[in-house]
Amino acid sequence: MPHAILVRQPGGPEQLAWEEVEVGDPGPGQVRIRQAAAGLNFIDVYHRNGLYAQPLPFIPGVEGAGVVESVGPDVEGLKAGDRVAYAGAIGGYAELRLIAADRLVKLPNDISDEQAAAMMLQGMTVDMLIRSVWPIHAGDTILIHAAAGGVGLIMCQWAAALGATVIGAVSSEEKAELARAHGCHHAIVYSKQDFVAEVDRLTGGKKLPVVYDSVGKETFKRSLDCLQKRGLMVSFGQASGPVEPFSPLLLAQKGSLYLTRPTLFDYISTREELERSAASLFDAVRTGKVKIDIGQCFPLSEAAEAHRALEARETVGSTILTIG
């Protein structure tokens, strides 16, 4: 029988159990895929610890790549043997899984399963952030928190390719070097520098039109001080914990600021949106604008260790769970 990681109750990484599971035949509109790799993302942690509650028991993971084994009734455009990938469909920590066919995209021959598993969620998140939430243009200066993480490294490269000046904030000198190697023009190390003061210095006091923050509690309020009047705060994660409640009046006091909390799944909810976002990402990788940096690989059976490393901020770039 195939194996998967199951969560039977919310909690720490120890709740990720390697178990045998039954996977039936695909139903109407479904496909069964044998996975080659699954991606590791902070949303997996939020599912596991109960912050984003899921019906129990469940298989975590929202991103993966593999090969179609069989298709159910009413499925068009896919057949056994097709290489596919997805983001946004929970159940990815599995050797074999069923998934809605309309959530899959075919993989180009020049993109590997490992690349796809490392980039679908993070890469389409970046596409959302820099093309839809706040479209970046040449000449813009932006701040990216966690610039050496999976999303951060992709965003640094892509934003730089679009002509932006990228300021990246990171937790160590090692991560600063990595961010610089991926398009970050100015790297700020939290432990040694005040990122608000550095932004003020780097912009000559003009500050920024947009800040991208996936860190959350530790950086949120001070990030508001990096923004110009009517600037946009993009809060898209909470690696350090949830943002503490505050009065909307604070946004007015700091310059009539805008705040958004986007999630990718609202930007790829239709088939058209999904295909457009995936095509944009594939093009960025093919043309060399974006290189997918896989910093760590763990066997799927060791998902608990992968979660521990992610939460301890010991990872750089993307992390994948290999299968088979």
Foldseek 3Di string as FASTA:
>chain_A
DWWFFKAQDADALVSTAIDDDDADQEEAQKWKFFFFWAFDDVVQNCPRNCVVDDPPIFGAGFWFKGFTCQDYPPDPDDGGGFIKIFGGDTRRRIRMHMDRNLRIDTDDPPADRVLRNFALQLQLVLCCVCPPVPPAAAPFEEEEEQLQEANNLQNLLLNVVRHYAYEYEHADPVSQVNSVVRNHPHYHHVVPDDVLVVLCVVVVNQAHQEYEDAQAQVCPVSNLSRHHAQHEYEHAHHLPHHHDDDDPVVCVVSHVYHYDHDHSCVQPVDSVSSVVSVVVSVVCCVVVSGDQDAFEEAASNVVSVVSVCVSVVVTGHIYMHGYD
